[in-house]
Protein backbone atom coordinates (compact mmCIF):
# COMPACT_ATOMS: atom_id res chain seq x y z
CA UNK A 1 78.22 -1.38 94.89
CA UNK A 2 78.60 0.36 98.24
CA UNK A 3 75.67 -1.94 99.49
CA UNK A 4 77.65 -5.18 98.60
CA UNK A 5 80.76 -3.83 100.01
CA UNK A 6 79.03 -3.06 103.29
CA UNK A 7 76.81 -6.31 103.18
CA UNK A 8 78.88 -8.23 105.94
CA UNK A 9 78.49 -5.67 108.74
CA UNK A 10 74.69 -5.84 108.55
CA UNK A 11 75.03 -9.50 109.89
CA UNK A 12 76.17 -7.81 113.34
CA UNK A 13 74.89 -4.57 113.10
CA UNK A 14 71.02 -5.50 112.92
CA UNK A 15 70.84 -7.66 116.17
CA UNK A 16 72.95 -5.39 117.83
CA UNK A 17 70.88 -2.25 117.31
CA UNK A 18 67.68 -4.40 117.63
CA UNK A 19 68.69 -5.77 120.82
CA UNK A 20 69.77 -2.60 122.28
CA UNK A 21 66.48 -1.01 121.07
CA UNK A 22 64.47 -3.79 122.99
CA UNK A 23 66.22 -3.13 126.20
CA UNK A 24 65.34 0.43 125.96
CA UNK A 25 61.74 -0.56 125.24
CA UNK A 26 61.78 -3.16 128.23
CA UNK A 27 59.39 -5.81 128.73
CA UNK A 28 56.16 -3.39 128.75
CA UNK A 29 56.24 -3.45 124.81
CA UNK A 30 56.85 -7.20 124.58
CA UNK A 31 54.26 -7.45 121.56
CA UNK A 32 56.19 -4.64 119.76
CA UNK A 33 59.60 -6.40 120.75
CA UNK A 34 58.31 -9.70 119.19
CA UNK A 35 57.58 -8.12 115.85
CA UNK A 36 60.79 -6.38 115.95
CA UNK A 37 62.69 -9.36 116.64
CA UNK A 38 61.15 -11.50 113.87
CA UNK A 39 61.92 -8.71 111.47
CA UNK A 40 65.16 -8.66 112.63
CA UNK A 41 65.68 -12.40 112.28
CA UNK A 42 64.27 -11.86 108.64
CA UNK A 43 66.56 -9.37 107.81
CA UNK A 44 69.64 -11.37 108.79
CA UNK A 45 68.36 -14.22 106.85
CA UNK A 46 68.07 -11.94 103.85
CA UNK A 47 71.58 -10.78 104.31
CA UNK A 48 73.03 -14.36 104.81
CA UNK A 49 71.06 -15.17 101.59
CA UNK A 50 72.62 -12.11 99.41
CA UNK A 51 76.22 -13.29 100.97
CA UNK A 52 75.83 -16.82 99.89
CA UNK A 53 74.65 -15.68 96.43
CA UNK A 54 77.82 -13.36 96.28
CA UNK A 55 80.40 -15.76 97.46
CA UNK A 56 79.24 -18.34 94.74
CA UNK A 57 80.03 -15.53 92.02
CA UNK A 58 76.65 -15.60 90.79
CA UNK A 59 76.30 -11.51 90.68
CA UNK A 60 78.37 -10.08 87.97
CA UNK A 61 78.20 -6.43 89.23
CA UNK A 62 80.01 -7.48 92.50
CA UNK A 63 83.78 -7.54 92.39
CA UNK A 64 85.02 -9.51 95.45
CA UNK A 65 88.31 -10.33 95.25
CA UNK A 66 88.55 -14.16 95.02
CA UNK A 67 84.54 -14.11 95.86
CA UNK A 68 85.31 -13.57 99.53
CA UNK A 69 83.57 -10.20 101.01
CA UNK A 70 85.97 -8.15 103.17
CA UNK A 71 84.60 -5.33 105.53
CA UNK A 72 87.16 -2.90 107.17
CA UNK A 73 85.97 -1.76 110.37
CA UNK A 74 86.81 2.07 110.81
CA UNK A 75 88.20 2.07 107.32
CA UNK A 76 91.81 0.58 108.59
CA UNK A 77 93.45 -1.78 106.21
CA UNK A 78 94.77 -4.89 107.50
CA UNK A 79 96.52 -6.15 109.41
CA UNK A 80 96.40 -2.77 111.36
CA UNK A 81 92.40 -2.57 111.64
CA UNK A 82 89.43 -5.15 112.31
CA UNK A 83 88.53 -7.01 109.27
CA UNK A 84 85.09 -8.96 108.80
CA UNK A 85 85.50 -11.74 106.30
CA UNK A 86 82.77 -13.35 104.64
CA UNK A 87 83.69 -16.54 102.28
CA UNK A 88 81.68 -19.65 101.66
CA UNK A 89 82.10 -21.10 105.21
CA UNK A 90 81.23 -18.14 106.76
CA UNK A 91 78.07 -17.62 104.58
CA UNK A 92 77.01 -21.08 105.17
CA UNK A 93 76.99 -20.47 109.04
CA UNK A 94 75.12 -17.28 108.94
CA UNK A 95 72.26 -18.71 107.03
CA UNK A 96 72.05 -21.35 109.10
CA UNK A 97 72.08 -19.32 112.30
CA UNK A 98 69.60 -16.82 110.66
CA UNK A 99 67.17 -19.73 109.84
CA UNK A 100 67.44 -21.46 113.08
CA UNK A 101 67.00 -18.18 114.89
CA UNK A 102 64.00 -17.14 112.96
CA UNK A 103 62.11 -20.16 113.68
CA UNK A 104 63.07 -20.29 117.39
CA UNK A 105 61.79 -16.78 117.64
CA UNK A 106 58.38 -17.83 116.14
CA UNK A 107 58.16 -20.97 118.45
CA UNK A 108 59.00 -18.81 121.67
CA UNK A 109 55.94 -16.47 120.86
CA UNK A 110 53.44 -19.14 122.04
CA UNK A 111 54.33 -19.26 125.62
CA UNK A 112 58.49 -19.11 126.45
CA UNK A 113 59.05 -15.10 125.79
CA UNK A 114 56.86 -14.80 128.99
CA UNK A 115 58.56 -17.09 131.19
CA UNK A 116 61.16 -14.25 132.29
CA UNK A 117 62.30 -10.75 131.35
CA UNK A 118 64.80 -9.65 128.26
CA UNK A 119 64.02 -12.80 126.16
CA UNK A 120 63.99 -11.10 123.06
CA UNK A 121 66.94 -8.64 123.46
CA UNK A 122 69.13 -11.71 124.92
CA UNK A 123 68.13 -13.49 121.79
CA UNK A 124 69.48 -10.62 119.59
CA UNK A 125 72.73 -10.75 121.15
CA UNK A 126 73.02 -14.25 120.98
CA UNK A 127 72.70 -14.12 117.33
CA UNK A 128 75.04 -10.97 117.28
CA UNK A 129 77.46 -13.16 118.96
CA UNK A 130 77.31 -16.07 116.56
CA UNK A 131 77.18 -13.84 113.48
CA UNK A 132 80.07 -11.84 114.34
CA UNK A 133 82.22 -15.06 115.65
CA UNK A 134 81.57 -16.53 111.97
CA UNK A 135 82.53 -13.13 110.29
CA UNK A 136 85.44 -11.71 112.19
CA UNK A 137 89.07 -12.06 110.66
CA UNK A 138 91.03 -11.78 114.09
CA UNK A 139 91.43 -13.75 117.01
CA UNK A 140 90.80 -11.12 119.97
CA UNK A 141 87.49 -10.20 118.24
CA UNK A 142 86.57 -13.97 117.94
CA UNK A 143 87.30 -13.85 121.75
CA UNK A 144 84.79 -10.84 122.03
CA UNK A 145 81.98 -12.19 120.02
CA UNK A 146 82.31 -15.55 122.02
CA UNK A 147 81.85 -13.63 125.13
CA UNK A 148 78.99 -11.76 123.70
CA UNK A 149 76.93 -15.17 122.78
CA UNK A 150 77.87 -16.73 126.05
CA UNK A 151 76.75 -14.08 128.05
CA UNK A 152 73.54 -13.92 126.41
CA UNK A 153 73.06 -17.63 126.73
CA UNK A 154 73.47 -17.71 130.60
CA UNK A 155 70.62 -15.44 130.77
CA UNK A 156 68.51 -17.67 128.39
CA UNK A 157 69.50 -20.79 129.95
CA UNK A 158 68.18 -19.66 133.13
CA UNK A 159 64.90 -18.41 131.52
CA UNK A 160 61.95 -19.65 133.31
CA UNK A 161 63.88 -20.40 136.54
CA UNK A 162 63.86 -23.71 138.60
CA UNK A 163 65.95 -25.62 140.33
CA UNK A 164 67.52 -27.88 137.41
CA UNK A 165 68.35 -25.07 135.17
CA UNK A 166 70.02 -23.01 138.17
CA UNK A 167 72.03 -25.96 138.95
CA UNK A 168 73.05 -27.03 135.28
CA UNK A 169 73.40 -23.18 134.50
CA UNK A 170 75.98 -22.69 137.11
CA UNK A 171 78.33 -25.76 135.79
CA UNK A 172 77.63 -24.13 132.62
CA UNK A 173 78.98 -20.70 133.10
CA UNK A 174 81.63 -22.13 135.06
CA UNK A 175 82.98 -24.25 132.38
CA UNK A 176 82.50 -21.76 129.85
CA UNK A 177 84.32 -18.97 131.81
CA UNK A 178 87.30 -21.68 132.04
CA UNK A 179 87.11 -22.13 128.40
CA UNK A 180 87.20 -18.31 128.11
CA UNK A 181 90.36 -18.16 130.27
CA UNK A 182 92.23 -20.75 128.29
CA UNK A 183 91.11 -18.87 125.00
CA UNK A 184 92.52 -15.50 125.98
CA UNK A 185 95.73 -17.11 127.52
CA UNK A 186 96.03 -18.66 124.03
CA UNK A 187 95.59 -15.54 122.07
CA UNK A 188 97.66 -13.33 124.46
CA UNK A 189 100.76 -16.00 123.70
CA UNK A 190 99.94 -16.00 120.00
CA UNK A 191 100.39 -12.28 120.11
CA UNK A 192 103.67 -11.99 121.97
CA UNK A 193 105.14 -14.66 119.56
CA UNK A 194 103.76 -13.19 116.18
CA UNK A 195 102.86 -9.59 117.08
CA UNK A 196 99.54 -9.80 115.47
CA UNK A 197 96.15 -11.15 115.93
CA UNK A 198 94.54 -10.86 112.37
CA UNK A 199 93.78 -14.57 111.24
CA UNK A 200 95.47 -13.87 107.78
CA UNK A 201 98.52 -12.54 109.05
CA UNK A 202 99.19 -15.12 111.65
CA UNK A 203 98.63 -17.81 108.81
CA UNK A 204 101.41 -16.01 106.76
CA UNK A 205 104.02 -15.25 109.76
CA UNK A 206 103.53 -18.60 111.58
CA UNK A 207 105.86 -20.69 108.94
CA UNK A 208 108.51 -18.25 109.46
CA UNK A 209 109.02 -18.43 113.41
CA UNK A 210 112.12 -19.59 114.87
CA UNK A 211 112.48 -23.14 116.75
CA UNK A 212 111.98 -21.30 120.10
CA UNK A 213 109.09 -19.00 118.47
CA UNK A 214 107.61 -22.07 117.36
CA UNK A 215 107.57 -24.07 120.56
CA UNK A 216 105.60 -21.21 122.23
CA UNK A 217 103.40 -20.80 119.17
CA UNK A 218 102.30 -24.37 119.41
CA UNK A 219 101.64 -24.23 123.16
CA UNK A 220 99.52 -21.09 122.63
CA UNK A 221 97.71 -23.10 119.88
CA UNK A 222 97.30 -26.02 122.50
CA UNK A 223 95.49 -23.75 124.97
CA UNK A 224 93.33 -21.90 121.89
CA UNK A 225 92.25 -25.59 120.64
CA UNK A 226 91.33 -26.98 124.32
CA UNK A 227 88.82 -23.80 124.40
CA UNK A 228 87.63 -24.69 121.21
CA UNK A 229 87.08 -28.25 121.96
CA UNK A 230 85.14 -27.30 125.31
CA UNK A 231 82.90 -25.21 123.11
CA UNK A 232 82.50 -27.95 120.57
CA UNK A 233 81.52 -30.13 123.44
CA UNK A 234 84.43 -32.70 122.72
CA UNK A 235 85.09 -35.56 125.27
CA UNK A 236 86.31 -35.45 127.96
CA UNK A 237 85.31 -31.75 128.15
CA UNK A 238 81.54 -32.28 127.35
CA UNK A 239 80.37 -32.95 130.93
CA UNK A 240 78.50 -29.71 131.25
CA UNK A 241 76.29 -30.04 128.09
CA UNK A 242 73.68 -32.67 128.77
CA UNK A 243 72.03 -31.13 131.86
CA UNK A 244 72.34 -27.42 130.49
CA UNK A 245 70.91 -28.23 127.29
CA UNK A 246 68.12 -30.79 128.63
CA UNK A 247 67.14 -28.17 131.19
CA UNK A 248 66.85 -24.94 128.82
CA UNK A 249 63.22 -24.30 127.45
CA UNK A 250 62.54 -25.52 124.23
CA UNK A 251 63.32 -22.50 121.80
CA UNK A 252 66.68 -21.75 123.73
CA UNK A 253 67.73 -25.20 123.71
CA UNK A 254 67.24 -25.48 119.97
CA UNK A 255 69.29 -22.47 119.50
CA UNK A 256 71.81 -23.91 121.72
CA UNK A 257 72.11 -26.83 118.97
CA UNK A 258 74.34 -24.59 116.84
CA UNK A 259 76.36 -23.19 119.56
CA UNK A 260 78.77 -26.21 119.76
CA UNK A 261 79.21 -25.94 116.15
CA UNK A 262 80.97 -22.48 116.60
CA UNK A 263 83.91 -24.63 118.52
CA UNK A 264 83.77 -26.70 115.08
CA UNK A 265 83.83 -23.56 112.93
CA UNK A 266 86.81 -22.04 115.14
CA UNK A 267 89.00 -25.37 114.68
CA UNK A 268 88.17 -25.53 110.92
CA UNK A 269 88.93 -21.58 110.34
CA UNK A 270 92.07 -21.53 112.15
CA UNK A 271 93.40 -24.94 111.23
CA UNK A 272 93.12 -24.29 107.59
CA UNK A 273 94.77 -21.19 107.73
CA UNK A 274 97.77 -22.91 109.43
CA UNK A 275 97.77 -25.41 107.15
CA UNK A 276 100.45 -24.04 104.68
CA UNK A 277 102.77 -23.78 108.09
CA UNK A 278 101.63 -27.25 109.34
CA UNK A 279 98.60 -27.22 111.61
CA UNK A 280 99.37 -27.43 115.33
CA UNK A 281 98.11 -30.13 117.70
CA UNK A 282 94.49 -29.64 118.28
CA UNK A 283 93.61 -28.30 114.79
CA UNK A 284 93.70 -31.34 112.74
CA UNK A 285 95.53 -34.60 112.39
CA UNK A 286 95.20 -37.68 114.78
CA UNK A 287 95.19 -35.79 117.74
CA UNK A 288 91.60 -34.25 116.60
CA UNK A 289 90.74 -37.75 115.23
CA UNK A 290 91.24 -39.66 118.32
CA UNK A 291 89.30 -37.01 120.34
CA UNK A 292 86.44 -37.16 117.92
CA UNK A 293 86.43 -41.09 118.40
CA UNK A 294 86.16 -40.69 122.16
CA UNK A 295 83.62 -38.03 121.64
CA UNK A 296 81.39 -40.42 119.66
CA UNK A 297 81.77 -43.46 121.72
CA UNK A 298 81.12 -41.30 124.98
CA UNK A 299 77.85 -39.94 123.09
CA UNK A 300 76.52 -43.23 121.92
CA UNK A 301 76.97 -44.85 125.31
CA UNK A 302 75.26 -42.08 127.15
CA UNK A 303 72.33 -42.30 124.65
CA UNK A 304 72.24 -46.07 125.27
CA UNK A 305 71.54 -45.54 128.94
CA UNK A 306 69.53 -42.58 128.85
CA UNK A 307 65.68 -42.47 129.19
CA UNK A 308 65.06 -38.95 129.31
CA UNK A 309 64.02 -37.75 125.85
CA UNK A 310 65.56 -34.02 126.53
CA UNK A 311 68.98 -35.44 127.86
CA UNK A 312 69.03 -37.98 124.63
CA UNK A 313 68.29 -34.87 122.31
CA UNK A 314 71.66 -33.40 124.29
CA UNK A 315 73.46 -36.61 123.76
CA UNK A 316 72.95 -36.20 120.06
CA UNK A 317 74.48 -32.94 120.21
CA UNK A 318 77.65 -34.80 121.58
CA UNK A 319 77.36 -37.48 119.11
CA UNK A 320 77.28 -35.22 116.08
CA UNK A 321 80.17 -33.13 117.35
CA UNK A 322 82.04 -36.25 117.51
CA UNK A 323 81.54 -37.34 114.07
CA UNK A 324 82.49 -33.99 112.65
CA UNK A 325 85.66 -34.05 114.78
CA UNK A 326 86.39 -37.69 113.85
CA UNK A 327 85.88 -36.88 109.99
CA UNK A 328 87.68 -33.41 110.03
CA UNK A 329 90.77 -35.27 111.54
CA UNK A 330 91.14 -37.35 108.71
CA UNK A 331 93.85 -36.07 106.27
CA UNK A 332 93.20 -34.02 103.23
CA UNK A 333 89.85 -32.51 102.37
CA UNK A 334 87.67 -35.45 101.10
CA UNK A 335 85.58 -35.65 104.42
CA UNK A 336 85.24 -31.75 104.60
CA UNK A 337 82.54 -31.53 102.23
CA UNK A 338 80.29 -34.31 103.52
CA UNK A 339 81.07 -32.95 107.23
CA UNK A 340 79.71 -29.64 106.38
CA UNK A 341 76.63 -31.26 104.76
CA UNK A 342 76.08 -33.41 107.94
CA UNK A 343 76.65 -30.51 110.24
CA UNK A 344 73.85 -28.44 108.49
CA UNK A 345 71.44 -31.63 108.47
CA UNK A 346 72.10 -32.29 112.16
CA UNK A 347 71.54 -28.87 113.39
CA UNK A 348 68.28 -28.73 111.75
CA UNK A 349 67.28 -31.91 112.94
CA UNK A 350 68.12 -31.56 116.45
CA UNK A 351 66.64 -27.80 116.62
CA UNK A 352 63.32 -29.60 115.56
CA UNK A 353 64.15 -32.64 118.05
CA UNK A 354 64.35 -29.98 120.76
CA UNK A 355 61.07 -27.94 120.07
CA UNK A 356 59.35 -31.55 119.82
CA UNK A 357 60.68 -32.38 123.48
CA UNK A 358 58.33 -29.79 125.11
CA UNK A 359 55.44 -30.72 123.20
CA UNK A 360 55.73 -34.43 123.69
CA UNK A 361 55.53 -33.72 127.46
CA UNK A 362 52.48 -32.43 127.16
CA UNK A 363 51.08 -35.73 126.11
CA UNK A 364 52.36 -37.59 129.31
CA UNK A 365 50.90 -35.16 131.91
CA UNK A 366 48.59 -32.15 132.24
CA UNK A 367 50.75 -29.42 134.04
CA UNK A 368 52.04 -25.98 133.87
CA UNK A 369 55.37 -26.03 131.89
CA UNK A 370 56.87 -23.08 133.84
CA UNK A 371 56.92 -23.22 137.45
CA UNK A 372 54.73 -20.29 139.27
CA UNK A 373 57.56 -19.08 141.23
CA UNK A 374 59.31 -17.92 138.25
CA UNK A 375 57.07 -15.01 138.14
CA UNK A 376 57.98 -13.96 141.56
CA UNK A 377 61.77 -14.59 140.82
CA UNK A 378 61.48 -12.35 137.90
CA UNK A 379 59.52 -9.74 139.56
CA UNK A 380 56.67 -10.26 137.20
CA UNK A 381 52.93 -10.11 139.53
CA UNK A 382 49.71 -10.92 137.92
CA UNK A 383 49.33 -7.15 137.07
CA UNK A 384 52.52 -6.73 135.15
CA UNK A 385 52.43 -9.90 133.13
CA UNK A 386 48.45 -10.49 132.79
CA UNK A 387 49.17 -12.12 129.20
CA UNK A 388 51.17 -15.00 130.89
CA UNK A 389 49.28 -17.76 132.20
CA UNK A 390 51.75 -20.82 132.02
CA UNK A 391 49.81 -22.32 129.27
CA UNK A 392 50.03 -22.09 125.20
CA UNK A 393 48.23 -19.42 123.95
CA UNK A 394 46.94 -19.07 120.21
CA UNK A 395 45.01 -20.64 117.71
CA UNK A 396 45.27 -24.51 117.83
CA UNK A 397 45.94 -26.74 114.78
CA UNK A 398 43.66 -29.79 113.90
CA UNK A 399 45.23 -33.34 114.23
CA UNK A 400 47.88 -32.19 116.40
CA UNK A 401 48.81 -35.85 117.57
CA UNK A 402 48.97 -36.64 113.79
CA UNK A 403 51.52 -33.92 113.14
CA UNK A 404 53.49 -34.64 116.24
CA UNK A 405 53.83 -38.20 115.30
CA UNK A 406 54.89 -37.44 111.86
CA UNK A 407 57.45 -34.75 112.75
CA UNK A 408 58.91 -37.10 115.48
CA UNK A 409 59.03 -40.04 113.07
CA UNK A 410 60.81 -37.89 110.46
CA UNK A 411 63.25 -36.64 112.94
CA UNK A 412 63.96 -39.75 113.97
CA UNK A 413 64.88 -41.16 110.35
CA UNK A 414 67.09 -37.84 109.98
CA UNK A 415 69.01 -38.20 112.99
CA UNK A 416 69.50 -41.61 113.00
CA UNK A 417 70.74 -41.61 109.51
CA UNK A 418 67.91 -43.42 107.50
CA UNK A 419 66.71 -43.08 104.02
CA UNK A 420 65.52 -41.22 102.29
CA UNK A 421 66.16 -37.73 104.20
CA UNK A 422 69.37 -35.87 104.44
CA UNK A 423 70.90 -37.46 107.65
CA UNK A 424 71.01 -40.83 105.36
CA UNK A 425 72.60 -38.91 102.37
CA UNK A 426 75.22 -37.04 104.82
CA UNK A 427 76.30 -40.48 106.69
CA UNK A 428 76.13 -42.34 103.49
CA UNK A 429 78.42 -40.03 101.83
CA UNK A 430 80.59 -39.94 104.70
CA UNK A 431 81.01 -43.68 104.96
CA UNK A 432 81.50 -43.99 101.17
CA UNK A 433 84.31 -41.30 101.29
CA UNK A 434 85.88 -42.99 104.58
CA UNK A 435 86.03 -46.34 102.53
CA UNK A 436 87.62 -44.80 99.82
CA UNK A 437 90.13 -43.66 102.07
CA UNK A 438 90.97 -47.32 103.35
CA UNK A 439 92.98 -47.43 99.86
CA UNK A 440 95.51 -45.03 101.25
CA UNK A 441 97.72 -46.99 103.18
CA UNK A 442 98.49 -44.24 105.89
CA UNK A 443 94.65 -43.65 106.34
CA UNK A 444 93.23 -47.34 106.39
CA UNK A 445 93.15 -48.06 110.06
CA UNK A 446 91.68 -44.59 110.85
CA UNK A 447 89.04 -45.00 108.21
CA UNK A 448 87.90 -48.11 109.39
CA UNK A 449 87.60 -47.25 112.67
CA UNK A 450 85.47 -44.20 111.48
CA UNK A 451 83.22 -46.23 109.47
CA UNK A 452 82.78 -48.79 112.66
CA UNK A 453 81.99 -46.26 115.33
CA UNK A 454 79.45 -44.30 113.05
CA UNK A 455 77.74 -47.43 112.19
CA UNK A 456 77.48 -48.53 115.87
CA UNK A 457 76.34 -45.10 116.89
CA UNK A 458 73.51 -44.95 114.02
CA UNK A 459 72.38 -48.64 115.22
CA UNK A 460 72.10 -47.28 118.60
CA UNK A 461 70.24 -44.47 117.55
CA UNK A 462 67.54 -46.31 115.82
CA UNK A 463 67.33 -48.64 118.78
CA UNK A 464 66.82 -45.84 121.34
CA UNK A 465 64.51 -43.68 119.54
CA UNK A 466 62.58 -46.55 118.15
CA UNK A 467 62.13 -47.66 121.89
CA UNK A 468 61.58 -44.20 122.98
CA UNK A 469 58.81 -43.57 120.23
CA UNK A 470 57.12 -46.69 121.03
CA UNK A 471 56.90 -45.92 124.91
CA UNK A 472 55.59 -42.49 124.13
CA UNK A 473 53.12 -43.02 121.27
CA UNK A 474 51.92 -46.53 121.98
CA UNK A 475 53.37 -47.62 125.42
CA UNK A 476 51.14 -45.33 127.30
CA UNK A 477 47.36 -45.69 128.29
CA UNK A 478 47.03 -42.26 129.55
CA UNK A 479 48.24 -40.35 126.28
CA UNK A 480 46.77 -36.68 126.12
CA UNK A 481 46.13 -34.95 122.89
CA UNK A 482 48.56 -31.54 123.06
CA UNK A 483 47.54 -28.15 122.34
CA UNK A 484 49.46 -27.65 119.36
CA UNK A 485 49.44 -23.92 117.95
CA UNK A 486 50.31 -22.66 114.55
CA UNK A 487 53.31 -20.48 115.96
CA UNK A 488 54.73 -23.82 117.13
CA UNK A 489 53.84 -25.97 114.10
CA UNK A 490 55.13 -23.57 111.76
CA UNK A 491 58.72 -23.49 112.95
CA UNK A 492 59.04 -27.08 113.24
CA UNK A 493 57.53 -27.58 109.57
CA UNK A 494 59.94 -24.63 108.32
CA UNK A 495 62.99 -26.68 109.99
CA UNK A 496 61.71 -29.82 108.42
CA UNK A 497 61.45 -28.16 105.14
CA UNK A 498 64.94 -27.06 105.37
CA UNK A 499 65.86 -30.94 105.58
CA UNK A 500 63.75 -31.84 102.71
CA UNK A 501 65.47 -28.98 100.55
CA UNK A 502 68.77 -30.28 101.14
CA UNK A 503 67.61 -33.82 100.43
CA UNK A 504 66.01 -33.03 97.06
CA UNK A 505 68.46 -30.84 95.92
CA UNK A 506 71.39 -32.85 97.48
CA UNK A 507 73.69 -32.48 94.10
CA UNK A 508 73.68 -28.54 94.11
CA UNK A 509 74.07 -28.43 98.09
CA UNK A 510 76.83 -31.00 97.92
CA UNK A 511 78.66 -29.10 95.23
CA UNK A 512 78.49 -25.88 97.50
CA UNK A 513 80.18 -27.99 100.35
CA UNK A 514 82.73 -29.41 98.31
CA UNK A 515 83.84 -26.11 96.85
CA UNK A 516 83.75 -24.79 100.42
CA UNK A 517 86.02 -27.47 101.50
CA UNK A 518 88.41 -26.87 98.30
CA UNK A 519 88.45 -23.32 99.13
CA UNK A 520 89.37 -24.17 102.96
CA UNK A 521 92.40 -26.38 101.63
CA UNK A 522 93.59 -23.04 99.76
CA UNK A 523 93.98 -20.51 102.48
CA UNK A 524 96.02 -18.18 100.17
CA UNK A 525 92.88 -17.31 98.59
CA UNK A 526 91.67 -16.03 102.16
CA UNK A 527 94.87 -14.30 102.98
CA UNK A 528 94.98 -12.23 99.44
CA UNK A 529 91.41 -11.19 99.83
CA UNK A 530 92.10 -9.87 103.55
CA UNK A 531 95.13 -7.78 102.03
CA UNK A 532 93.47 -6.90 99.04
CA UNK A 533 90.94 -5.04 100.48
CA UNK A 534 91.46 -1.28 100.14
CA UNK A 535 90.09 2.14 102.38
CA UNK A 536 87.16 3.58 100.94
CA UNK A 537 88.40 6.94 99.05
CA UNK A 538 87.44 9.79 101.05
CA UNK A 539 87.14 11.81 97.70
CA UNK A 540 85.61 10.80 94.15
CA UNK A 541 89.02 11.59 92.68
CA UNK A 542 91.17 9.58 95.62
CA UNK A 543 92.78 6.58 94.16
């Protein structure tokens, strides 16, 4: 029982201590750090799976209140201490982060971990920050974990050097620092009004504010929502994303595909807890709906005009954010379950797409993927990094071109929402539920707008990716067969298998998503679980 009560903190403690150990060991023990990093990601995956089993109530000997795990850091009860809370939504995001992180670490072992220093510790810290952001039960620590994974992402974005990475990295850092500044302002204002930063207590106190306090609270929420929308790459705050993600090395860009979803998660989490008191602008309603439509339109038009494959995939990130914001901006929770299913499908598929981009580039030209100047920039001379040659090392797999073509074709079907894979099921469910909402008079106009925009974006996706696939695989007379290793093929296969799993077991997966949506619509379960958590007795006889 003690193990299960302490389970949530492992998702933060494992990458934190692993990353600290890697910094101590330095890059001279890269092979040991590689094995340590993969073991850490596997451990996080196991913890996430156990949490998901626990929050569904399938373990009789686990007595979590409302099937929500609450961990009291420092053994201080809420709202005075820091709490970690794992419910259905949190467990889902932890599992997605651990699975994506594990595959990206395996992929990076073929080349990209040697393109610069401190790759593995930075990767552990980015996973720590993501896990912490999903688990934390108070606003200030949400800000802290945001800064942890953003600071790590700054280093990973510049991994490999190059002019394009430095330029896009500068924009990325400046915009995210601005978002962090707005977030800190919003958090400070909320504390001045409510006297607390605990999310559960804010949900209780927001409904009892006076008129003047409510105005200040709404203003603070506007700052906070703007910061979350920047993280979610919502239009017109998404201009920083395209160049940054397109210039990042393949495993880093794939890991970045979940970072915009942290902004979506924050909007969903805070908005759900404020539902009983009336969610402020930016955390739901028509304001989020039209912001999502603008993001969807911007991403679709940018995709239509783009020819660079890396930038195309970056526009798909924007399109996925726009789809989620639009769907979550609709009234009720009818679209929340399908939106979560779409979120998982898009993260897995776009992770595959980013990993494929670098391999596809090998078919177009034969050249080093990393500039030789990066060795000098990171202080790695030939003697210190003799195992780095700028080329993929390992055992190549047979029929690499066939594997690449199959993976690209499957990824296209998933991203475009064509049958029979998870992308089709996600969009079909979203569209069918949106059409059902047209029968509600207050939602008819918005529902048809959602249907129209999603159909147009899907059609554009088919056109653009079909054109790109034809140009890459059939339109070039100088196509080269790439050297593809097991460490690259395996993570791509695992992510595609994840898409196949949620396709085959769509009934069970969608039931989980719909139950998650229902729990978000009943925030008192979350609030009661937080305040029901008690300190660990100091003595066996203490009650």
